[in-house]
């Protein structure tokens, strides 16, 4: 059994798409997989949330949302504004461990970035990963500004002794600009390893069959895909002579 936590360098970077891709590849291999969203914010009671996207794209129904708050805020602030108890991450740990007893893979998608608060005591996704002893997939933006965000995220993880499973670009466009192309090599330098994937922009609009193909192409073999970081890098002429 294995637990992977998916976080981002900030909000809106493609965490849900990467989570769905990880789930789709696991499911197609016949791996019993469950997906957990400890706290969904910015979505009303009857509106589709992130797990509905995972269900649609990955074709799995074993999804678990533990709390929902209507305001588009951090989980701690959203709970406070709604006047309801916050998400209890220690309780989430217990429930994820229960799922891990019957599933070979449990994916846990956080809200926002690594250090977004879930309660007023300051519990974060970093704490959740540490308590679970889980490795973390970091989803990053490809564009200008991502280097600082990614470096800060990885530094915070290293400071807490959290294992990095890989850095994945959540939305890679068909026509990347100069900054995006240049960032490939710098992101690999920051993380001290090759990129673990790059999901095509617009993947969330695909049907399940098309999405599985995109997931296979967009994630590295460690996650069940065929993404090759060297080939990806070389396709943009990023050699030592032309960084």
Protein backbone atom coordinates (compact mmCIF):
# COMPACT_ATOMS: atom_id res chain seq x y z
CA UNK A 1 0.00 0.00 0.00
CA UNK A 2 1.11 3.56 -0.64
CA UNK A 3 -0.06 7.08 0.11
CA UNK A 4 0.86 10.02 -2.12
CA UNK A 5 0.04 13.60 -1.22
CA UNK A 6 -0.47 16.06 -4.08
CA UNK A 7 0.22 19.71 -3.36
CA UNK A 8 0.95 22.79 -5.42
CA UNK A 9 3.31 25.72 -5.39
CA UNK A 10 0.18 27.89 -5.20
CA UNK A 11 -3.50 27.66 -6.09
CA UNK A 12 -4.71 27.07 -9.63
CA UNK A 13 -1.63 25.16 -10.78
CA UNK A 14 -3.36 21.95 -11.89
CA UNK A 15 -3.33 19.79 -8.74
CA UNK A 16 -6.67 18.20 -9.55
CA UNK A 17 -5.60 17.36 -13.10
CA UNK A 18 -2.40 15.73 -11.86
CA UNK A 19 -4.30 13.88 -9.14
CA UNK A 20 -6.74 12.58 -11.76
CA UNK A 21 -3.84 11.56 -14.02
CA UNK A 22 -2.18 9.63 -11.20
CA UNK A 23 -5.48 7.93 -10.41
CA UNK A 24 -6.19 7.10 -14.06
CA UNK A 25 -2.82 5.44 -14.57
CA UNK A 26 -3.14 3.46 -11.35
CA UNK A 27 -6.66 2.32 -12.22
CA UNK A 28 -5.70 1.20 -15.72
CA UNK A 29 -3.01 -1.02 -14.16
CA UNK A 30 -5.66 -2.62 -12.00
CA UNK A 31 -4.41 -0.93 -8.83
CA UNK A 32 -7.11 -0.37 -6.20
CA UNK A 33 -6.94 3.41 -5.77
CA UNK A 34 -8.83 5.88 -3.61
CA UNK A 35 -8.68 9.67 -3.87
CA UNK A 36 -9.15 11.92 -0.85
CA UNK A 37 -9.89 15.65 -0.66
CA UNK A 38 -9.63 16.60 3.04
CA UNK A 39 -11.24 20.00 2.54
CA UNK A 40 -12.99 21.44 -0.52
CA UNK A 41 -13.43 25.21 -0.55
CA UNK A 42 -15.19 27.61 -2.88
CA UNK A 43 -17.95 25.16 -3.79
CA UNK A 44 -21.56 25.08 -2.64
CA UNK A 45 -23.34 21.99 -1.28
CA UNK A 46 -24.83 20.91 -4.61
CA UNK A 47 -22.04 22.07 -6.91
CA UNK A 48 -19.40 19.80 -8.46
CA UNK A 49 -16.04 19.89 -6.71
CA UNK A 50 -12.54 18.70 -7.48
CA UNK A 51 -13.41 15.06 -6.87
CA UNK A 52 -16.14 15.24 -9.49
CA UNK A 53 -13.42 16.19 -11.99
CA UNK A 54 -11.29 13.29 -10.78
CA UNK A 55 -14.23 10.91 -11.12
CA UNK A 56 -15.01 12.13 -14.65
CA UNK A 57 -11.44 12.15 -15.93
CA UNK A 58 -10.05 9.06 -14.21
CA UNK A 59 -13.20 6.97 -14.37
CA UNK A 60 -13.10 6.01 -10.68
CA UNK A 61 -15.78 6.32 -8.02
CA UNK A 62 -13.70 5.63 -4.91
CA UNK A 63 -13.40 9.29 -3.92
CA UNK A 64 -13.74 10.82 -0.46
CA UNK A 65 -14.39 14.46 0.43
CA UNK A 66 -14.24 15.02 4.19
CA UNK A 67 -15.37 18.65 4.44
CA UNK A 68 -16.76 21.38 2.19
CA UNK A 69 -16.91 25.14 2.63
CA UNK A 70 -18.62 27.55 0.20
CA UNK A 71 -16.17 30.46 0.36
CA UNK A 72 -13.05 30.47 -1.88
CA UNK A 73 -10.63 30.83 1.02
CA UNK A 74 -8.09 28.68 2.78
CA UNK A 75 -9.76 25.78 4.63
CA UNK A 76 -9.11 27.46 7.99
CA UNK A 77 -10.51 30.82 6.90
CA UNK A 78 -13.44 29.22 5.04
CA UNK A 79 -14.46 27.23 8.12
CA UNK A 80 -14.11 30.29 10.33
CA UNK A 81 -16.21 32.41 7.96
CA UNK A 82 -18.88 29.71 7.75
CA UNK A 83 -18.98 29.37 11.54
CA UNK A 84 -18.33 25.63 11.45
CA UNK A 85 -15.53 23.43 12.83
CA UNK A 86 -12.39 23.26 10.69
CA UNK A 87 -11.00 20.15 9.05
CA UNK A 88 -9.24 17.97 11.62
CA UNK A 89 -6.09 16.75 9.90
CA UNK A 90 -5.35 14.18 12.65
CA UNK A 91 -8.76 12.68 11.87
CA UNK A 92 -7.92 12.78 8.16
CA UNK A 93 -4.75 10.82 8.93
CA UNK A 94 -6.80 8.10 10.61
CA UNK A 95 -9.25 7.89 7.73
CA UNK A 96 -6.51 7.80 5.09
CA UNK A 97 -4.77 5.01 6.99
CA UNK A 98 -8.04 3.07 7.04
CA UNK A 99 -8.33 3.47 3.26
CA UNK A 100 -4.71 2.40 2.83
CA UNK A 101 -5.53 -0.93 4.47
CA UNK A 102 -7.76 -1.87 1.53
CA UNK A 103 -6.16 0.11 -1.32
CA UNK A 104 -2.72 -0.18 -2.86
CA UNK A 105 -2.72 3.56 -3.52
CA UNK A 106 -4.39 6.48 -1.74
CA UNK A 107 -4.01 9.91 -3.32
CA UNK A 108 -4.59 12.92 -1.08
CA UNK A 109 -5.10 16.25 -2.82
CA UNK A 110 -4.47 19.29 -0.66
CA UNK A 111 -5.98 22.75 -0.97
CA UNK A 112 -3.78 25.50 -2.35
CA UNK A 113 -0.12 25.20 -1.48
CA UNK A 114 1.94 23.22 1.00
CA UNK A 115 1.57 25.60 3.97
CA UNK A 116 -2.06 26.64 3.57
CA UNK A 117 -3.74 26.36 6.98
CA UNK A 118 -6.54 23.93 7.71
CA UNK A 119 -7.27 25.19 11.23
CA UNK A 120 -6.41 28.12 13.46
CA UNK A 121 -3.64 26.12 15.13
CA UNK A 122 -1.78 26.10 11.84
CA UNK A 123 -2.02 22.48 10.63
CA UNK A 124 -1.06 22.22 6.96
CA UNK A 125 -0.66 19.71 4.14
CA UNK A 126 3.00 19.52 5.15
CA UNK A 127 1.90 18.24 8.56
CA UNK A 128 -0.49 15.79 6.95
CA UNK A 129 2.25 14.35 4.74
CA UNK A 130 4.65 14.13 7.67
CA UNK A 131 2.11 12.38 9.92
CA UNK A 132 1.28 9.92 7.15
CA UNK A 133 4.93 9.38 6.24
CA UNK A 134 3.86 10.06 2.66
CA UNK A 135 5.88 11.35 -0.26
CA UNK A 136 4.61 14.50 -1.95
CA UNK A 137 4.03 15.29 -5.61
CA UNK A 138 4.57 19.01 -6.15
CA UNK A 139 2.56 20.53 -8.99
CA UNK A 140 4.12 23.68 -10.38
CA UNK A 141 3.33 26.35 -12.94
CA UNK A 142 5.61 26.55 -15.96
CA UNK A 143 5.66 30.33 -16.35
CA UNK A 144 7.57 33.30 -14.95
CA UNK A 145 7.64 33.25 -11.14
CA UNK A 146 7.50 29.49 -10.75
CA UNK A 147 11.16 29.14 -9.77
CA UNK A 148 10.77 31.07 -6.53
CA UNK A 149 7.47 29.39 -5.64
CA UNK A 150 8.88 25.93 -6.32
CA UNK A 151 12.13 26.58 -4.47
CA UNK A 152 10.26 27.81 -1.40
CA UNK A 153 7.95 24.78 -1.45
CA UNK A 154 10.82 22.31 -1.75
CA UNK A 155 12.82 24.09 0.93
CA UNK A 156 9.85 23.90 3.31
CA UNK A 157 9.52 20.19 2.59
CA UNK A 158 13.21 19.52 3.14
CA UNK A 159 13.13 21.45 6.41
CA UNK A 160 10.34 19.15 7.63
CA UNK A 161 11.90 15.94 6.36
CA UNK A 162 9.18 15.34 3.75
CA UNK A 163 10.11 13.17 0.78
CA UNK A 164 9.64 14.60 -2.72
CA UNK A 165 8.01 12.18 -5.16
CA UNK A 166 8.53 14.54 -8.07
CA UNK A 167 7.77 17.92 -9.59
CA UNK A 168 5.08 17.93 -12.28
CA UNK A 169 4.09 20.86 -14.48
CA UNK A 170 0.32 21.06 -14.17
CA UNK A 171 -0.43 22.85 -17.44
CA UNK A 172 2.11 22.82 -20.26
CA UNK A 173 0.96 24.86 -23.29
CA UNK A 174 1.35 23.91 -26.94
CA UNK A 175 3.49 26.99 -27.54
CA UNK A 176 5.60 27.68 -24.43
CA UNK A 177 7.29 31.06 -24.22
CA UNK A 178 10.97 31.68 -23.52
CA UNK A 179 10.53 31.78 -19.73
CA UNK A 180 8.68 28.47 -19.72
CA UNK A 181 11.29 26.75 -21.86
CA UNK A 182 14.11 28.14 -19.74
CA UNK A 183 12.36 27.13 -16.53
CA UNK A 184 12.52 23.43 -17.41
CA UNK A 185 16.24 23.18 -16.69
CA UNK A 186 16.06 25.50 -13.68
CA UNK A 187 13.22 23.51 -12.10
CA UNK A 188 15.28 20.35 -12.47
CA UNK A 189 18.22 22.11 -10.84
CA UNK A 190 16.06 23.31 -7.95
CA UNK A 191 14.58 19.86 -7.34
CA UNK A 192 17.90 18.04 -8.01
CA UNK A 193 16.14 15.58 -10.32
CA UNK A 194 14.45 15.39 -13.72
CA UNK A 195 10.90 16.61 -14.08
CA UNK A 196 8.34 13.93 -13.20
CA UNK A 197 5.86 15.09 -15.78
CA UNK A 198 4.17 17.85 -17.74
CA UNK A 199 0.42 17.63 -18.30
CA UNK A 200 -0.84 19.30 -21.49
CA UNK A 201 -2.86 22.48 -20.99
CA UNK A 202 -6.56 21.80 -21.51
CA UNK A 203 -6.39 18.22 -20.27
CA UNK A 204 -9.36 18.83 -18.00
CA UNK A 205 -11.63 19.23 -21.02
CA UNK A 206 -10.82 15.77 -22.43
CA UNK A 207 -13.03 12.72 -22.14
CA UNK A 208 -11.82 9.81 -20.02
CA UNK A 209 -10.20 7.89 -22.90
CA UNK A 210 -8.38 10.94 -24.22
CA UNK A 211 -7.34 11.91 -20.71
CA UNK A 212 -5.77 8.50 -20.09
CA UNK A 213 -3.59 9.01 -23.17
CA UNK A 214 -2.61 12.48 -21.94
CA UNK A 215 -1.83 11.10 -18.49
CA UNK A 216 0.36 8.35 -19.93
CA UNK A 217 2.29 10.86 -22.01
CA UNK A 218 2.39 13.47 -19.26
CA UNK A 219 3.62 11.50 -16.24
CA UNK A 220 6.91 9.69 -15.67
CA UNK A 221 7.34 5.88 -15.52
CA UNK A 222 7.50 6.04 -11.71
CA UNK A 223 3.81 6.97 -11.88
CA UNK A 224 2.95 4.52 -14.64
CA UNK A 225 3.41 6.88 -17.59
CA UNK A 226 5.89 7.29 -20.41
CA UNK A 227 7.05 10.90 -19.92
CA UNK A 228 10.79 11.17 -20.52
CA UNK A 229 12.32 14.30 -19.02
CA UNK A 230 15.42 14.22 -21.23
CA UNK A 231 13.37 13.95 -24.42
CA UNK A 232 11.04 16.71 -23.21
CA UNK A 233 13.99 18.96 -22.38
CA UNK A 234 15.81 18.22 -25.63
CA UNK A 235 12.72 18.98 -27.71
CA UNK A 236 13.26 22.63 -26.80
CA UNK A 237 16.97 22.59 -27.56
CA UNK A 238 17.97 22.83 -23.92
CA UNK A 239 21.49 21.47 -24.18
CA UNK A 240 24.50 22.50 -22.14
CA UNK A 241 25.55 24.67 -25.08
CA UNK A 242 22.10 26.25 -25.35
CA UNK A 243 20.58 26.43 -21.83
